[in-house]
Structure formats: structure tokens, C-alpha cells
Amino acid sequence: MIMPVETDIRTKIIGAAQKLIARYGYGKTTMADLAQACGMSPGNLYRYFPGKLDIAEQLAIRAFEEEVSALREVVRRSDLSATERLKLFFCTQLRVTHAKLNDDPKVFEIAEIIRRERPELTNQNLARIRALLSEILSAGNASGEFNIPDVVNTAETIQCATLKYHYPQLFTQLSLAELERELREVMNLLLQGIFCGKAPSNGAKQGRNSQN
């Protein structure tokens, strides 16, 4: 069981690591640097984290939690239709990750290291996002908006089709406005495949709020 004091120290270490890595990059940040920034010996630092990769993992987990939390809020929006929530879901994901990568370009380095060294962590986060996406698709089936025989498979397919907009700077140098325009067009195409019957007309409620 992790004691509160130990939790505070781990939080302090992670915070210091985030600042140092943002400034120098993951490769140039050493455990000795982290220990000095935290006012402790390297030996004491290793009591809390076996290595730098374990600290990078915690930074990734923190970023994943922020993303999932923002997406969960969209899923819980009872004032929006499933169609609106689906559009807002991916728009929110784009904005959250685009801002994070813009604010801290060194995140690329950590993301690549975690993808290579701890792929199960990335896969777990993608699975959590698919579960939230499945909730929206199921709600759309229940409301009669969607006609999806296999919600889980469709959630995975949509996630694959929109991967560019999850980590946009890994694929393109387009501006956020250009990416949002692209994403709206992609979502309109995807929605045509899951609408129950024909797609709603332009005058129907189709997620105008999610495009603001």
C-alpha cells in the first residue's frame, strides 16, 4: 500500500520530470538531473521509480487520464443526441491532443518511447476510448438514430478511420482549423454508414453544437 507521503513524493518527482523533459527532452534528462531537481539523492529517487522509463510511463498515464476524462464528459452529455455526441467526441479528442502536442513538443519523444517500450499502455488507453465510443453508438441504437449490428466492431473501425485526428501532428502540419474541417467531413461520411435509414436532412439536429 502506497502511503500518502510516498504519493506526494512520487507526484513531486513526476512534476519535476515533466518540466525537465519539456526543456531538455527525454533522452537528455537523466535520473541524476531529476534527483537534483527534487532535492534528493539518486539512490533515494530509485526507491520511488526503478528507472526513467517508469517515470515516462507515469507522464503518459497522466496525459491519457486527461484525455479520457474530457471524452467521458462528452459521453455523459444527456442534452445532446448520440449523433451530436459522436461528432463532439472526436472534435474534443482532436483539440485535447493537438493542444498537448503544441504546448509540449517533447511529448512526441515520450509517446514514441512508450509506444515502443510499453505498447500495452497505449493499447489499454485505446481500449478505454473505444469503450466510451461504444457507449455513444449503443445510445444511438437505442434512440433509433443508428443501425449498428455490432457496436464493438464498429467502434474499433471508426477509431481506426479517425486515427489521424487522435495524434494529428504525427501525420500532418495542417492547422487545427483545417484539421477540424477535415474531421467534420470524415465524420459525415462515417455517419452515413450507421444512420438508421437515411441520414437526417440539413435541417435536422446533427451536432451543430459539436462544431462550435
N, C-alpha and C. Protein backbone atom coordinates (compact mmCIF):
# COMPACT_ATOMS: atom_id res chain seq x y z
N MET A 1 0.84 -1.20 0.00
CA MET A 1 0.00 0.00 0.00
C MET A 1 0.88 1.25 0.00
N ILE A 2 0.60 2.18 -0.92
CA ILE A 2 1.39 3.41 -1.02
C ILE A 2 0.87 4.42 0.00
N MET A 3 1.77 4.90 0.86
CA MET A 3 1.41 5.86 1.89
C MET A 3 1.25 7.25 1.28
N PRO A 4 0.44 8.12 1.92
CA PRO A 4 0.23 9.48 1.40
C PRO A 4 1.52 10.25 1.17
N VAL A 5 2.48 10.13 2.11
CA VAL A 5 3.75 10.85 1.96
C VAL A 5 4.48 10.37 0.72
N GLU A 6 4.47 9.04 0.51
CA GLU A 6 5.13 8.48 -0.67
C GLU A 6 4.45 8.95 -1.95
N THR A 7 3.13 9.05 -1.91
CA THR A 7 2.38 9.54 -3.07
C THR A 7 2.77 10.98 -3.38
N ASP A 8 2.91 11.80 -2.35
CA ASP A 8 3.30 13.20 -2.54
C ASP A 8 4.68 13.30 -3.18
N ILE A 9 5.59 12.45 -2.74
CA ILE A 9 6.95 12.47 -3.27
C ILE A 9 6.96 12.02 -4.73
N ARG A 10 6.20 10.97 -5.02
CA ARG A 10 6.10 10.49 -6.40
C ARG A 10 5.52 11.57 -7.31
N THR A 11 4.52 12.28 -6.80
CA THR A 11 3.90 13.37 -7.57
C THR A 11 4.92 14.48 -7.82
N LYS A 12 5.72 14.77 -6.81
CA LYS A 12 6.77 15.80 -6.95
C LYS A 12 7.78 15.39 -8.01
N ILE A 13 8.17 14.12 -8.01
CA ILE A 13 9.14 13.61 -8.98
C ILE A 13 8.58 13.71 -10.40
N ILE A 14 7.33 13.30 -10.55
CA ILE A 14 6.70 13.32 -11.87
C ILE A 14 6.59 14.76 -12.38
N GLY A 15 6.24 15.68 -11.48
CA GLY A 15 6.15 17.09 -11.87
C GLY A 15 7.49 17.65 -12.31
N ALA A 16 8.55 17.30 -11.57
CA ALA A 16 9.89 17.75 -11.93
C ALA A 16 10.32 17.16 -13.26
N ALA A 17 9.99 15.89 -13.46
CA ALA A 17 10.34 15.21 -14.72
C ALA A 17 9.65 15.88 -15.90
N GLN A 18 8.40 16.23 -15.72
CA GLN A 18 7.65 16.87 -16.80
C GLN A 18 8.32 18.18 -17.22
N LYS A 19 8.76 18.95 -16.25
CA LYS A 19 9.41 20.24 -16.55
C LYS A 19 10.77 20.04 -17.23
N LEU A 20 11.56 19.10 -16.71
CA LEU A 20 12.89 18.87 -17.27
C LEU A 20 12.82 18.30 -18.69
N ILE A 21 11.92 17.34 -18.88
CA ILE A 21 11.79 16.73 -20.20
C ILE A 21 11.25 17.73 -21.21
N ALA A 22 10.33 18.60 -20.77
CA ALA A 22 9.81 19.64 -21.66
C ALA A 22 10.92 20.59 -22.10
N ARG A 23 11.92 20.77 -21.25
CA ARG A 23 13.00 21.70 -21.56
C ARG A 23 14.14 21.04 -22.33
N TYR A 24 14.55 19.84 -21.88
CA TYR A 24 15.74 19.20 -22.46
C TYR A 24 15.44 17.98 -23.33
N GLY A 25 14.24 17.43 -23.20
CA GLY A 25 13.93 16.20 -23.92
C GLY A 25 14.16 14.99 -23.04
N TYR A 26 13.53 13.90 -23.40
CA TYR A 26 13.63 12.67 -22.60
C TYR A 26 15.06 12.12 -22.61
N GLY A 27 15.66 12.08 -23.78
CA GLY A 27 16.99 11.48 -23.91
C GLY A 27 18.06 12.21 -23.12
N LYS A 28 17.95 13.52 -23.00
CA LYS A 28 18.98 14.31 -22.33
C LYS A 28 18.69 14.53 -20.84
N THR A 29 17.56 14.05 -20.38
CA THR A 29 17.22 14.17 -18.96
C THR A 29 17.65 12.89 -18.25
N THR A 30 18.47 13.02 -17.23
CA THR A 30 18.97 11.85 -16.50
C THR A 30 18.31 11.73 -15.13
N MET A 31 18.44 10.56 -14.56
CA MET A 31 17.90 10.35 -13.20
C MET A 31 18.64 11.25 -12.22
N ALA A 32 19.92 11.52 -12.47
CA ALA A 32 20.68 12.43 -11.60
C ALA A 32 20.11 13.84 -11.68
N ASP A 33 19.72 14.26 -12.89
CA ASP A 33 19.09 15.57 -13.05
C ASP A 33 17.80 15.65 -12.25
N LEU A 34 17.00 14.60 -12.34
CA LEU A 34 15.72 14.55 -11.64
C LEU A 34 15.93 14.59 -10.12
N ALA A 35 16.91 13.82 -9.67
CA ALA A 35 17.19 13.79 -8.23
C ALA A 35 17.58 15.17 -7.73
N GLN A 36 18.43 15.85 -8.48
CA GLN A 36 18.85 17.20 -8.09
C GLN A 36 17.67 18.16 -8.08
N ALA A 37 16.80 18.08 -9.09
CA ALA A 37 15.64 18.96 -9.17
C ALA A 37 14.69 18.73 -8.01
N CYS A 38 14.67 17.50 -7.50
CA CYS A 38 13.77 17.16 -6.39
C CYS A 38 14.44 17.30 -5.03
N GLY A 39 15.72 17.67 -5.03
CA GLY A 39 16.43 17.83 -3.77
C GLY A 39 16.66 16.52 -3.04
N MET A 40 16.93 15.46 -3.79
CA MET A 40 17.19 14.16 -3.17
C MET A 40 18.36 13.48 -3.87
N SER A 41 18.86 12.43 -3.28
CA SER A 41 19.96 11.70 -3.88
C SER A 41 19.44 10.77 -4.97
N PRO A 42 20.27 10.42 -5.96
CA PRO A 42 19.84 9.46 -6.98
C PRO A 42 19.37 8.15 -6.37
N GLY A 43 20.06 7.71 -5.32
CA GLY A 43 19.67 6.46 -4.67
C GLY A 43 18.27 6.54 -4.10
N ASN A 44 17.93 7.68 -3.52
CA ASN A 44 16.59 7.86 -2.96
C ASN A 44 15.54 7.91 -4.06
N LEU A 45 15.90 8.51 -5.19
CA LEU A 45 14.98 8.58 -6.33
C LEU A 45 14.61 7.19 -6.83
N TYR A 46 15.61 6.30 -6.85
CA TYR A 46 15.37 4.94 -7.33
C TYR A 46 14.46 4.14 -6.38
N ARG A 47 14.29 4.64 -5.18
CA ARG A 47 13.34 3.99 -4.26
C ARG A 47 11.90 4.13 -4.77
N TYR A 48 11.66 5.22 -5.49
CA TYR A 48 10.29 5.50 -5.95
C TYR A 48 10.05 5.08 -7.41
N PHE A 49 11.11 5.13 -8.22
CA PHE A 49 10.97 4.71 -9.62
C PHE A 49 12.21 3.91 -10.01
N PRO A 50 12.04 2.67 -10.47
CA PRO A 50 13.18 1.83 -10.86
C PRO A 50 14.03 2.42 -11.97
N GLY A 51 13.40 3.24 -12.85
CA GLY A 51 14.15 3.82 -13.95
C GLY A 51 13.39 4.95 -14.60
N LYS A 52 14.04 5.61 -15.55
CA LYS A 52 13.45 6.77 -16.22
C LYS A 52 12.21 6.37 -17.03
N LEU A 53 12.24 5.16 -17.60
CA LEU A 53 11.10 4.69 -18.38
C LEU A 53 9.84 4.62 -17.53
N ASP A 54 10.00 4.26 -16.26
CA ASP A 54 8.84 4.17 -15.36
C ASP A 54 8.25 5.56 -15.08
N ILE A 55 9.11 6.56 -15.08
CA ILE A 55 8.63 7.93 -14.90
C ILE A 55 7.91 8.38 -16.17
N ALA A 56 8.48 8.05 -17.33
CA ALA A 56 7.83 8.39 -18.60
C ALA A 56 6.46 7.73 -18.69
N GLU A 57 6.37 6.51 -18.18
CA GLU A 57 5.07 5.81 -18.18
C GLU A 57 4.04 6.58 -17.37
N GLN A 58 4.45 7.11 -16.23
CA GLN A 58 3.53 7.88 -15.40
C GLN A 58 3.10 9.18 -16.08
N LEU A 59 4.02 9.79 -16.82
CA LEU A 59 3.66 11.00 -17.57
C LEU A 59 2.65 10.67 -18.66
N ALA A 60 2.83 9.51 -19.30
CA ALA A 60 1.88 9.08 -20.33
C ALA A 60 0.52 8.79 -19.72
N ILE A 61 0.53 8.12 -18.58
CA ILE A 61 -0.73 7.80 -17.90
C ILE A 61 -1.47 9.07 -17.53
N ARG A 62 -0.73 10.08 -17.06
CA ARG A 62 -1.37 11.36 -16.71
C ARG A 62 -2.03 11.98 -17.93
N ALA A 63 -1.33 11.95 -19.06
CA ALA A 63 -1.89 12.51 -20.30
C ALA A 63 -3.11 11.71 -20.76
N PHE A 64 -3.03 10.40 -20.65
CA PHE A 64 -4.16 9.54 -21.04
C PHE A 64 -5.38 9.83 -20.17
N GLU A 65 -5.16 10.02 -18.87
CA GLU A 65 -6.26 10.28 -17.96
C GLU A 65 -6.96 11.59 -18.30
N GLU A 66 -6.19 12.60 -18.65
CA GLU A 66 -6.78 13.90 -19.03
C GLU A 66 -7.63 13.75 -20.28
N GLU A 67 -7.14 12.98 -21.23
CA GLU A 67 -7.88 12.78 -22.47
C GLU A 67 -9.17 12.01 -22.22
N VAL A 68 -9.07 10.90 -21.49
CA VAL A 68 -10.25 10.07 -21.22
C VAL A 68 -11.28 10.84 -20.41
N SER A 69 -10.82 11.65 -19.46
CA SER A 69 -11.74 12.44 -18.64
C SER A 69 -12.54 13.41 -19.50
N ALA A 70 -11.87 14.08 -20.45
CA ALA A 70 -12.55 15.02 -21.35
C ALA A 70 -13.56 14.29 -22.23
N LEU A 71 -13.20 13.10 -22.71
CA LEU A 71 -14.11 12.34 -23.57
C LEU A 71 -15.29 11.78 -22.79
N ARG A 72 -15.03 11.40 -21.54
CA ARG A 72 -16.12 10.88 -20.71
C ARG A 72 -17.18 11.94 -20.48
N GLU A 73 -16.77 13.19 -20.34
CA GLU A 73 -17.74 14.28 -20.18
C GLU A 73 -18.65 14.39 -21.39
N VAL A 74 -18.09 14.18 -22.57
CA VAL A 74 -18.91 14.23 -23.79
C VAL A 74 -19.92 13.09 -23.80
N VAL A 75 -19.47 11.91 -23.44
CA VAL A 75 -20.37 10.74 -23.43
C VAL A 75 -21.54 10.96 -22.48
N ARG A 76 -21.30 11.66 -21.39
CA ARG A 76 -22.33 11.86 -20.37
C ARG A 76 -23.27 13.02 -20.69
N ARG A 77 -23.08 13.69 -21.81
CA ARG A 77 -23.91 14.86 -22.18
C ARG A 77 -25.32 14.39 -22.57
N SER A 78 -26.21 14.35 -21.60
CA SER A 78 -27.58 13.90 -21.86
C SER A 78 -28.39 14.92 -22.67
N ASP A 79 -27.87 16.14 -22.76
CA ASP A 79 -28.59 17.17 -23.52
C ASP A 79 -28.32 17.08 -25.02
N LEU A 80 -27.42 16.19 -25.44
CA LEU A 80 -27.07 16.04 -26.84
C LEU A 80 -27.53 14.68 -27.37
N SER A 81 -27.88 14.66 -28.64
CA SER A 81 -28.22 13.39 -29.28
C SER A 81 -26.95 12.56 -29.44
N ALA A 82 -27.12 11.30 -29.76
CA ALA A 82 -25.96 10.43 -29.98
C ALA A 82 -25.12 10.94 -31.15
N THR A 83 -25.78 11.42 -32.18
CA THR A 83 -25.08 11.96 -33.34
C THR A 83 -24.22 13.16 -32.94
N GLU A 84 -24.79 14.04 -32.15
CA GLU A 84 -24.05 15.21 -31.68
C GLU A 84 -22.88 14.81 -30.80
N ARG A 85 -23.14 13.85 -29.92
CA ARG A 85 -22.06 13.40 -29.03
C ARG A 85 -20.93 12.75 -29.81
N LEU A 86 -21.27 12.00 -30.84
CA LEU A 86 -20.24 11.33 -31.63
C LEU A 86 -19.33 12.35 -32.30
N LYS A 87 -19.92 13.37 -32.88
CA LYS A 87 -19.13 14.42 -33.52
C LYS A 87 -18.29 15.18 -32.49
N LEU A 88 -18.90 15.53 -31.38
CA LEU A 88 -18.19 16.27 -30.34
C LEU A 88 -17.08 15.42 -29.72
N PHE A 89 -17.30 14.13 -29.63
CA PHE A 89 -16.31 13.19 -29.08
C PHE A 89 -14.99 13.32 -29.82
N PHE A 90 -15.05 13.23 -31.15
CA PHE A 90 -13.82 13.27 -31.93
C PHE A 90 -13.26 14.67 -32.05
N CYS A 91 -14.13 15.67 -32.04
CA CYS A 91 -13.65 17.04 -32.05
C CYS A 91 -12.90 17.35 -30.75
N THR A 92 -13.43 16.87 -29.64
CA THR A 92 -12.77 17.06 -28.34
C THR A 92 -11.44 16.35 -28.29
N GLN A 93 -11.41 15.13 -28.77
CA GLN A 93 -10.16 14.36 -28.81
C GLN A 93 -9.10 15.09 -29.63
N LEU A 94 -9.50 15.60 -30.77
CA LEU A 94 -8.56 16.35 -31.62
C LEU A 94 -8.02 17.57 -30.88
N ARG A 95 -8.91 18.34 -30.28
CA ARG A 95 -8.49 19.57 -29.62
C ARG A 95 -7.57 19.29 -28.42
N VAL A 96 -7.90 18.27 -27.64
CA VAL A 96 -7.10 17.94 -26.46
C VAL A 96 -5.68 17.52 -26.84
N THR A 97 -5.58 16.58 -27.78
CA THR A 97 -4.26 16.08 -28.15
C THR A 97 -3.46 17.10 -28.96
N HIS A 98 -4.15 17.85 -29.80
CA HIS A 98 -3.46 18.88 -30.60
C HIS A 98 -2.85 19.93 -29.67
N ALA A 99 -3.61 20.35 -28.68
CA ALA A 99 -3.11 21.35 -27.73
C ALA A 99 -1.93 20.81 -26.93
N LYS A 100 -2.01 19.56 -26.51
CA LYS A 100 -0.94 18.97 -25.70
C LYS A 100 0.36 18.89 -26.51
N LEU A 101 0.27 18.44 -27.75
CA LEU A 101 1.46 18.33 -28.58
C LEU A 101 2.01 19.70 -28.98
N ASN A 102 1.13 20.69 -29.10
CA ASN A 102 1.58 22.06 -29.42
C ASN A 102 2.27 22.69 -28.23
N ASP A 103 1.69 22.49 -27.04
CA ASP A 103 2.23 23.10 -25.83
C ASP A 103 3.56 22.48 -25.42
N ASP A 104 3.73 21.19 -25.70
CA ASP A 104 4.94 20.49 -25.28
C ASP A 104 5.40 19.54 -26.39
N PRO A 105 6.19 20.06 -27.35
CA PRO A 105 6.64 19.23 -28.47
C PRO A 105 7.42 17.99 -28.03
N LYS A 106 8.03 18.02 -26.83
CA LYS A 106 8.81 16.87 -26.35
C LYS A 106 7.91 15.67 -26.05
N VAL A 107 6.60 15.90 -26.03
CA VAL A 107 5.65 14.80 -25.82
C VAL A 107 5.81 13.75 -26.91
N PHE A 108 6.19 14.19 -28.11
CA PHE A 108 6.41 13.25 -29.22
C PHE A 108 7.40 12.16 -28.79
N GLU A 109 8.48 12.60 -28.16
CA GLU A 109 9.54 11.68 -27.76
C GLU A 109 9.03 10.66 -26.76
N ILE A 110 8.29 11.13 -25.76
CA ILE A 110 7.75 10.21 -24.76
C ILE A 110 6.74 9.27 -25.40
N ALA A 111 5.88 9.81 -26.27
CA ALA A 111 4.86 8.99 -26.92
C ALA A 111 5.50 7.86 -27.72
N GLU A 112 6.58 8.17 -28.43
CA GLU A 112 7.25 7.16 -29.24
C GLU A 112 7.92 6.10 -28.36
N ILE A 113 8.52 6.53 -27.26
CA ILE A 113 9.19 5.59 -26.35
C ILE A 113 8.17 4.66 -25.70
N ILE A 114 7.06 5.23 -25.25
CA ILE A 114 6.02 4.41 -24.62
C ILE A 114 5.41 3.45 -25.64
N ARG A 115 5.19 3.93 -26.86
CA ARG A 115 4.64 3.06 -27.91
C ARG A 115 5.56 1.87 -28.16
N ARG A 116 6.87 2.13 -28.12
CA ARG A 116 7.85 1.08 -28.42
C ARG A 116 8.12 0.18 -27.21
N GLU A 117 8.29 0.79 -26.04
CA GLU A 117 8.72 0.04 -24.86
C GLU A 117 7.57 -0.46 -23.98
N ARG A 118 6.46 0.24 -23.98
CA ARG A 118 5.31 -0.16 -23.17
C ARG A 118 4.03 -0.13 -24.02
N PRO A 119 4.00 -0.92 -25.10
CA PRO A 119 2.85 -0.87 -26.03
C PRO A 119 1.53 -1.22 -25.37
N GLU A 120 1.59 -2.03 -24.31
CA GLU A 120 0.35 -2.41 -23.63
C GLU A 120 -0.35 -1.20 -23.02
N LEU A 121 0.42 -0.19 -22.65
CA LEU A 121 -0.16 1.02 -22.06
C LEU A 121 -0.96 1.79 -23.11
N THR A 122 -0.39 1.93 -24.30
CA THR A 122 -1.09 2.60 -25.39
C THR A 122 -2.33 1.82 -25.78
N ASN A 123 -2.21 0.51 -25.85
CA ASN A 123 -3.36 -0.32 -26.22
C ASN A 123 -4.48 -0.23 -25.19
N GLN A 124 -4.11 -0.15 -23.92
CA GLN A 124 -5.12 -0.01 -22.86
C GLN A 124 -5.87 1.30 -23.00
N ASN A 125 -5.16 2.37 -23.33
CA ASN A 125 -5.82 3.66 -23.49
C ASN A 125 -6.76 3.65 -24.69
N LEU A 126 -6.31 3.06 -25.79
CA LEU A 126 -7.17 2.96 -26.97
C LEU A 126 -8.43 2.15 -26.65
N ALA A 127 -8.27 1.10 -25.84
CA ALA A 127 -9.42 0.28 -25.46
C ALA A 127 -10.41 1.07 -24.61
N ARG A 128 -9.89 1.91 -23.72
CA ARG A 128 -10.78 2.74 -22.89
C ARG A 128 -11.55 3.72 -23.75
N ILE A 129 -10.88 4.28 -24.74
CA ILE A 129 -11.55 5.23 -25.64
C ILE A 129 -12.61 4.50 -26.46
N ARG A 130 -12.31 3.28 -26.93
CA ARG A 130 -13.29 2.51 -27.69
C ARG A 130 -14.51 2.18 -26.84
N ALA A 131 -14.29 1.92 -25.56
CA ALA A 131 -15.41 1.61 -24.66
C ALA A 131 -16.35 2.82 -24.55
N LEU A 132 -15.77 4.01 -24.45
CA LEU A 132 -16.59 5.23 -24.39
C LEU A 132 -17.32 5.45 -25.70
N LEU A 133 -16.62 5.22 -26.79
CA LEU A 133 -17.22 5.35 -28.11
C LEU A 133 -18.37 4.37 -28.28
N SER A 134 -18.20 3.16 -27.77
CA SER A 134 -19.26 2.15 -27.85
C SER A 134 -20.51 2.59 -27.10
N GLU A 135 -20.31 3.33 -26.00
CA GLU A 135 -21.46 3.84 -25.24
C GLU A 135 -22.30 4.77 -26.11
N ILE A 136 -21.64 5.63 -26.86
CA ILE A 136 -22.37 6.56 -27.73
C ILE A 136 -23.10 5.79 -28.83
N LEU A 137 -22.42 4.83 -29.43
CA LEU A 137 -23.04 4.05 -30.51
C LEU A 137 -24.23 3.26 -29.99
N SER A 138 -24.12 2.69 -28.81
CA SER A 138 -25.23 1.95 -28.21
C SER A 138 -26.41 2.87 -27.93
N ALA A 139 -26.10 4.08 -27.45
CA ALA A 139 -27.16 5.06 -27.19
C ALA A 139 -27.86 5.44 -28.50
N GLY A 140 -27.09 5.54 -29.57
CA GLY A 140 -27.68 5.85 -30.87
C GLY A 140 -28.57 4.74 -31.38
N ASN A 141 -28.19 3.50 -31.12
CA ASN A 141 -29.05 2.36 -31.47
C ASN A 141 -30.35 2.43 -30.68
N ALA A 142 -30.22 2.72 -29.39
CA ALA A 142 -31.40 2.75 -28.51
C ALA A 142 -32.36 3.87 -28.88
N SER A 143 -31.82 5.00 -29.34
CA SER A 143 -32.67 6.14 -29.69
C SER A 143 -33.23 6.04 -31.10
N GLY A 144 -32.73 5.07 -31.87
CA GLY A 144 -33.18 4.92 -33.24
C GLY A 144 -32.41 5.76 -34.24
N GLU A 145 -31.36 6.45 -33.76
CA GLU A 145 -30.55 7.25 -34.67
C GLU A 145 -29.65 6.37 -35.54
N PHE A 146 -29.09 5.31 -34.92
CA PHE A 146 -28.14 4.46 -35.62
C PHE A 146 -28.72 3.06 -35.84
N ASN A 147 -28.13 2.38 -36.79
CA ASN A 147 -28.47 0.98 -37.04
C ASN A 147 -27.16 0.20 -37.12
N ILE A 148 -26.65 -0.21 -35.96
CA ILE A 148 -25.33 -0.84 -35.88
C ILE A 148 -25.48 -2.25 -35.29
N PRO A 149 -25.35 -3.28 -36.10
CA PRO A 149 -25.47 -4.66 -35.60
C PRO A 149 -24.37 -5.03 -34.60
N ASP A 150 -23.15 -4.57 -34.84
CA ASP A 150 -22.02 -4.92 -33.97
C ASP A 150 -21.36 -3.62 -33.50
N VAL A 151 -21.75 -3.17 -32.32
CA VAL A 151 -21.27 -1.90 -31.78
C VAL A 151 -19.77 -1.93 -31.54
N VAL A 152 -19.27 -3.00 -30.96
CA VAL A 152 -17.84 -3.10 -30.61
C VAL A 152 -16.98 -3.04 -31.86
N ASN A 153 -17.34 -3.80 -32.88
CA ASN A 153 -16.57 -3.81 -34.12
C ASN A 153 -16.64 -2.46 -34.82
N THR A 154 -17.81 -1.84 -34.80
CA THR A 154 -17.96 -0.53 -35.43
C THR A 154 -17.14 0.53 -34.70
N ALA A 155 -17.11 0.46 -33.37
CA ALA A 155 -16.30 1.41 -32.59
C ALA A 155 -14.83 1.28 -32.96
N GLU A 156 -14.36 0.06 -33.13
CA GLU A 156 -12.97 -0.16 -33.50
C GLU A 156 -12.68 0.36 -34.91
N THR A 157 -13.63 0.14 -35.81
CA THR A 157 -13.47 0.60 -37.19
C THR A 157 -13.42 2.12 -37.26
N ILE A 158 -14.33 2.79 -36.54
CA ILE A 158 -14.34 4.25 -36.53
C ILE A 158 -13.06 4.80 -35.90
N GLN A 159 -12.59 4.14 -34.86
CA GLN A 159 -11.34 4.58 -34.22
C GLN A 159 -10.17 4.50 -35.21
N CYS A 160 -10.12 3.42 -35.97
CA CYS A 160 -9.06 3.28 -36.98
C CYS A 160 -9.18 4.36 -38.06
N ALA A 161 -10.40 4.64 -38.47
CA ALA A 161 -10.63 5.60 -39.56
C ALA A 161 -10.31 7.03 -39.15
N THR A 162 -10.32 7.31 -37.86
CA THR A 162 -10.08 8.68 -37.37
C THR A 162 -8.74 8.82 -36.65
N LEU A 163 -7.85 7.84 -36.82
CA LEU A 163 -6.59 7.84 -36.08
C LEU A 163 -5.76 9.10 -36.36
N LYS A 164 -5.83 9.61 -37.58
CA LYS A 164 -5.09 10.82 -37.93
C LYS A 164 -5.44 11.98 -37.01
N TYR A 165 -6.66 12.02 -36.55
CA TYR A 165 -7.13 13.15 -35.74
C TYR A 165 -6.95 12.91 -34.24
N HIS A 166 -6.40 11.75 -33.90
CA HIS A 166 -6.11 11.47 -32.50
C HIS A 166 -4.76 12.08 -32.13
N TYR A 167 -3.75 11.83 -32.96
CA TYR A 167 -2.42 12.42 -32.76
C TYR A 167 -2.04 13.14 -34.05
N PRO A 168 -2.70 14.26 -34.36
CA PRO A 168 -2.58 14.89 -35.68
C PRO A 168 -1.17 15.29 -36.09
N GLN A 169 -0.38 15.82 -35.15
CA GLN A 169 0.94 16.30 -35.53
C GLN A 169 1.90 15.18 -35.93
N LEU A 170 1.52 13.94 -35.65
CA LEU A 170 2.33 12.81 -36.10
C LEU A 170 2.14 12.53 -37.58
N PHE A 171 1.06 13.09 -38.15
CA PHE A 171 0.71 12.80 -39.54
C PHE A 171 0.77 14.00 -40.46
N THR A 172 0.59 15.21 -39.92
CA THR A 172 0.41 16.36 -40.80
C THR A 172 0.81 17.65 -40.09
N GLN A 173 1.01 18.68 -40.89
CA GLN A 173 1.31 20.01 -40.37
C GLN A 173 0.14 20.97 -40.55
N LEU A 174 -1.04 20.42 -40.83
CA LEU A 174 -2.22 21.25 -41.01
C LEU A 174 -2.56 21.98 -39.72
N SER A 175 -3.20 23.14 -39.85
CA SER A 175 -3.64 23.89 -38.68
C SER A 175 -4.82 23.19 -38.02
N LEU A 176 -5.12 23.58 -36.79
CA LEU A 176 -6.25 23.00 -36.08
C LEU A 176 -7.55 23.24 -36.84
N ALA A 177 -7.72 24.44 -37.38
CA ALA A 177 -8.94 24.76 -38.13
C ALA A 177 -9.08 23.86 -39.35
N GLU A 178 -7.97 23.62 -40.05
CA GLU A 178 -8.01 22.75 -41.23
C GLU A 178 -8.31 21.31 -40.83
N LEU A 179 -7.74 20.87 -39.73
CA LEU A 179 -7.99 19.51 -39.24
C LEU A 179 -9.44 19.34 -38.83
N GLU A 180 -10.00 20.35 -38.17
CA GLU A 180 -11.40 20.27 -37.76
C GLU A 180 -12.33 20.21 -38.97
N ARG A 181 -11.99 20.97 -40.00
CA ARG A 181 -12.80 20.91 -41.22
C ARG A 181 -12.74 19.52 -41.84
N GLU A 182 -11.55 18.97 -41.93
CA GLU A 182 -11.38 17.61 -42.45
C GLU A 182 -12.17 16.59 -41.63
N LEU A 183 -12.04 16.72 -40.31
CA LEU A 183 -12.69 15.77 -39.41
C LEU A 183 -14.20 15.81 -39.57
N ARG A 184 -14.77 17.00 -39.72
CA ARG A 184 -16.21 17.09 -39.92
C ARG A 184 -16.65 16.33 -41.17
N GLU A 185 -15.85 16.45 -42.22
CA GLU A 185 -16.19 15.75 -43.47
C GLU A 185 -16.07 14.24 -43.30
N VAL A 186 -15.04 13.81 -42.61
CA VAL A 186 -14.86 12.38 -42.36
C VAL A 186 -16.01 11.84 -41.52
N MET A 187 -16.39 12.60 -40.48
CA MET A 187 -17.48 12.15 -39.62
C MET A 187 -18.80 12.08 -40.39
N ASN A 188 -19.04 13.01 -41.28
CA ASN A 188 -20.26 12.98 -42.08
C ASN A 188 -20.32 11.71 -42.94
N LEU A 189 -19.17 11.32 -43.50
CA LEU A 189 -19.12 10.09 -44.30
C LEU A 189 -19.37 8.86 -43.43
N LEU A 190 -18.72 8.83 -42.26
CA LEU A 190 -18.89 7.68 -41.36
C LEU A 190 -20.33 7.57 -40.85
N LEU A 191 -20.92 8.71 -40.56
CA LEU A 191 -22.29 8.71 -40.06
C LEU A 191 -23.29 8.18 -41.08
N GLN A 192 -23.01 8.42 -42.35
CA GLN A 192 -23.90 7.91 -43.39
C GLN A 192 -24.00 6.39 -43.35
N GLY A 193 -22.94 5.76 -42.86
CA GLY A 193 -22.93 4.30 -42.81
C GLY A 193 -23.63 3.72 -41.60
N ILE A 194 -23.88 4.54 -40.58
CA ILE A 194 -24.50 3.98 -39.37
C ILE A 194 -25.87 4.58 -39.05
N PHE A 195 -26.30 5.60 -39.83
CA PHE A 195 -27.63 6.15 -39.58
C PHE A 195 -28.70 5.08 -39.81
N CYS A 196 -29.76 5.17 -39.04
CA CYS A 196 -30.89 4.27 -39.20
C CYS A 196 -31.73 4.79 -40.36
N GLY A 197 -31.77 4.05 -41.47
CA GLY A 197 -32.47 4.54 -42.65
C GLY A 197 -31.61 5.58 -43.32
N LYS A 198 -32.19 6.65 -43.79
CA LYS A 198 -31.42 7.68 -44.47
C LYS A 198 -30.88 8.70 -43.46
N ALA A 199 -29.82 9.35 -43.84
CA ALA A 199 -29.22 10.36 -42.97
C ALA A 199 -30.17 11.53 -42.79
N PRO A 200 -30.14 12.18 -41.62
CA PRO A 200 -31.01 13.33 -41.40
C PRO A 200 -30.74 14.43 -42.42
N SER A 201 -31.76 15.20 -42.72
CA SER A 201 -31.60 16.32 -43.65
C SER A 201 -30.79 17.42 -42.98
N ASN A 202 -30.41 18.42 -43.77
CA ASN A 202 -29.59 19.51 -43.23
C ASN A 202 -30.31 20.28 -42.13
N GLY A 203 -31.63 20.25 -42.15
CA GLY A 203 -32.38 21.00 -41.15
C GLY A 203 -32.55 20.24 -39.86
N ALA A 204 -32.19 18.95 -39.86
CA ALA A 204 -32.36 18.14 -38.65
C ALA A 204 -31.22 18.41 -37.69
N LYS A 205 -31.40 17.91 -36.47
CA LYS A 205 -30.41 18.11 -35.41
C LYS A 205 -29.25 17.17 -35.65
N GLN A 206 -28.07 17.71 -36.07
CA GLN A 206 -26.95 16.85 -36.45
C GLN A 206 -25.65 17.24 -35.78
N GLY A 207 -25.69 17.79 -34.63
CA GLY A 207 -24.44 18.07 -33.97
C GLY A 207 -23.86 19.44 -34.26
N ARG A 208 -24.74 20.41 -34.53
CA ARG A 208 -24.22 21.77 -34.79
C ARG A 208 -23.42 22.27 -33.60
N ASN A 209 -23.85 21.89 -32.38
CA ASN A 209 -23.14 22.34 -31.20
C ASN A 209 -21.72 21.78 -31.18
N SER A 210 -21.54 20.56 -31.70
CA SER A 210 -20.22 19.93 -31.64
C SER A 210 -19.23 20.57 -32.60
N GLN A 211 -19.71 21.41 -33.51
CA GLN A 211 -18.82 22.03 -34.47
C GLN A 211 -18.42 23.43 -34.05
N ASN A 212 -18.91 23.87 -32.91
CA ASN A 212 -18.60 25.23 -32.47
C ASN A 212 -17.22 25.28 -31.85
